[in-house]
Amino acid sequence: MNLLPWITVGFIIVGFFVFISMKKNMEKRVALAIEYKDSMEGKQILPSPVVWWIWGAFLWGIISIFLIAWSFSAYP
């Protein structure tokens, strides 16, 4: 039995749950950054974790699409 379909499904499911579990924390960070954007305290709230989360979601999606396409091409 080939492992490619299992790797594909596992990668998609694990990635989905990781990003969903991090979603609420990122929403709080964005809300704090918007709330304190003009004050001096806002400089302590870095938006870089949110940017990394967005890039991670983007890369996860691209890799998932690649794995799905590869899975379909592996079984003609």
C-alpha atoms as a PDB file:
ATOM      1  CA  MET A   1       0.000   0.000   0.000  1.00  0.00           C
ATOM      2  CA  ASN A   2       1.294   3.421  -0.925  1.00  0.00           C
ATOM      3  CA  LEU A   3       1.875   6.009   1.801  1.00  0.00           C
ATOM      4  CA  LEU A   4       1.359   9.092  -0.363  1.00  0.00           C
ATOM      5  CA  PRO A   5      -2.425   9.334   0.198  1.00  0.00           C
ATOM      6  CA  TRP A   6      -1.969   8.889   3.945  1.00  0.00           C
ATOM      7  CA  ILE A   7       0.750  11.533   4.063  1.00  0.00           C
ATOM      8  CA  THR A   8      -1.456  13.900   2.062  1.00  0.00           C
ATOM      9  CA  VAL A   9      -4.533  13.421   4.238  1.00  0.00           C
ATOM     10  CA  GLY A  10      -2.488  13.566   7.443  1.00  0.00           C
ATOM     11  CA  PHE A  11      -0.709  16.757   6.376  1.00  0.00           C
ATOM     12  CA  ILE A  12      -3.987  18.455   5.488  1.00  0.00           C
ATOM     13  CA  ILE A  13      -5.813  17.418   8.659  1.00  0.00           C
ATOM     14  CA  VAL A  14      -2.958  18.213  11.055  1.00  0.00           C
ATOM     15  CA  GLY A  15      -2.302  21.564   9.372  1.00  0.00           C
ATOM     16  CA  PHE A  16      -5.988  22.463   9.456  1.00  0.00           C
ATOM     17  CA  PHE A  17      -6.243  21.774  13.188  1.00  0.00           C
ATOM     18  CA  VAL A  18      -3.014  23.659  13.929  1.00  0.00           C
ATOM     19  CA  PHE A  19      -4.182  26.776  12.104  1.00  0.00           C
ATOM     20  CA  ILE A  20      -7.670  26.628  13.606  1.00  0.00           C
ATOM     21  CA  SER A  21      -6.218  26.289  17.110  1.00  0.00           C
ATOM     22  CA  MET A  22      -3.964  29.323  16.537  1.00  0.00           C
ATOM     23  CA  LYS A  23      -6.728  31.447  14.975  1.00  0.00           C
ATOM     24  CA  LYS A  24      -8.154  32.897  18.204  1.00  0.00           C
ATOM     25  CA  ASN A  25      -4.704  33.922  19.460  1.00  0.00           C
ATOM     26  CA  MET A  26      -3.960  35.690  16.173  1.00  0.00           C
ATOM     27  CA  GLU A  27      -7.318  37.482  16.290  1.00  0.00           C
ATOM     28  CA  LYS A  28      -6.442  38.772  19.773  1.00  0.00           C
ATOM     29  CA  ARG A  29      -3.032  39.981  18.561  1.00  0.00           C
ATOM     30  CA  VAL A  30      -4.585  41.837  15.644  1.00  0.00           C
ATOM     31  CA  ALA A  31      -7.239  43.409  17.887  1.00  0.00           C
ATOM     32  CA  LEU A  32      -4.558  44.592  20.338  1.00  0.00           C
ATOM     33  CA  ALA A  33      -2.411  45.976  17.547  1.00  0.00           C
ATOM     34  CA  ILE A  34      -5.377  47.899  16.135  1.00  0.00           C
ATOM     35  CA  GLU A  35      -6.409  49.155  19.567  1.00  0.00           C
ATOM     36  CA  TYR A  36      -2.965  50.446  20.500  1.00  0.00           C
ATOM     37  CA  LYS A  37      -1.695  51.466  17.079  1.00  0.00           C
ATOM     38  CA  ASP A  38      -1.280  55.151  18.002  1.00  0.00           C
ATOM     39  CA  SER A  39      -0.001  54.822  21.557  1.00  0.00           C
ATOM     40  CA  MET A  40       3.502  54.016  22.754  1.00  0.00           C
ATOM     41  CA  GLU A  41       2.332  50.659  24.120  1.00  0.00           C
ATOM     42  CA  GLY A  42       1.509  49.557  20.584  1.00  0.00           C
ATOM     43  CA  LYS A  43       5.196  49.319  19.766  1.00  0.00           C
ATOM     44  CA  GLN A  44       5.500  46.410  22.182  1.00  0.00           C
ATOM     45  CA  ILE A  45       2.908  44.414  20.227  1.00  0.00           C
ATOM     46  CA  LEU A  46       4.743  43.039  17.225  1.00  0.00           C
ATOM     47  CA  PRO A  47       2.715  42.025  14.176  1.00  0.00           C
ATOM     48  CA  SER A  48       5.385  39.552  13.029  1.00  0.00           C
ATOM     49  CA  PRO A  49       3.704  36.435  14.559  1.00  0.00           C
ATOM     50  CA  VAL A  50       0.550  37.285  12.629  1.00  0.00           C
ATOM     51  CA  VAL A  51       2.531  37.713   9.420  1.00  0.00           C
ATOM     52  CA  TRP A  52       4.296  34.375   9.998  1.00  0.00           C
ATOM     53  CA  TRP A  53       0.903  32.743  10.658  1.00  0.00           C
ATOM     54  CA  ILE A  54      -0.426  34.093   7.344  1.00  0.00           C
ATOM     55  CA  TRP A  55       2.683  32.907   5.462  1.00  0.00           C
ATOM     56  CA  GLY A  56       2.380  29.516   7.145  1.00  0.00           C
ATOM     57  CA  ALA A  57      -1.246  29.193   6.081  1.00  0.00           C
ATOM     58  CA  PHE A  58      -0.290  30.194   2.543  1.00  0.00           C
ATOM     59  CA  LEU A  59       2.539  27.640   2.351  1.00  0.00           C
ATOM     60  CA  TRP A  60       0.366  24.951   3.931  1.00  0.00           C
ATOM     61  CA  GLY A  61      -2.238  25.560   1.218  1.00  0.00           C
ATOM     62  CA  ILE A  62       0.316  25.452  -1.604  1.00  0.00           C
ATOM     63  CA  ILE A  63       1.899  22.245  -0.275  1.00  0.00           C
ATOM     64  CA  SER A  64      -1.548  20.679   0.200  1.00  0.00           C
ATOM     65  CA  ILE A  65      -2.497  21.470  -3.397  1.00  0.00           C
ATOM     66  CA  PHE A  66       0.819  20.013  -4.597  1.00  0.00           C
ATOM     67  CA  LEU A  67       0.315  16.820  -2.558  1.00  0.00           C
ATOM     68  CA  ILE A  68      -3.249  16.376  -3.842  1.00  0.00           C
ATOM     69  CA  ALA A  69      -2.144  16.842  -7.452  1.00  0.00           C
ATOM     70  CA  TRP A  70       0.746  14.427  -6.899  1.00  0.00           C
ATOM     71  CA  SER A  71      -1.623  11.870  -5.364  1.00  0.00           C
ATOM     72  CA  PHE A  72      -3.923  12.002  -8.398  1.00  0.00           C
ATOM     73  CA  SER A  73      -1.020  11.740 -10.830  1.00  0.00           C
ATOM     74  CA  ALA A  74       0.445   8.771  -8.952  1.00  0.00           C
ATOM     75  CA  TYR A  75      -2.726   6.704  -9.551  1.00  0.00           C
ATOM     76  CA  PRO A  76      -3.647   6.946 -13.262  1.00  0.00           C
END
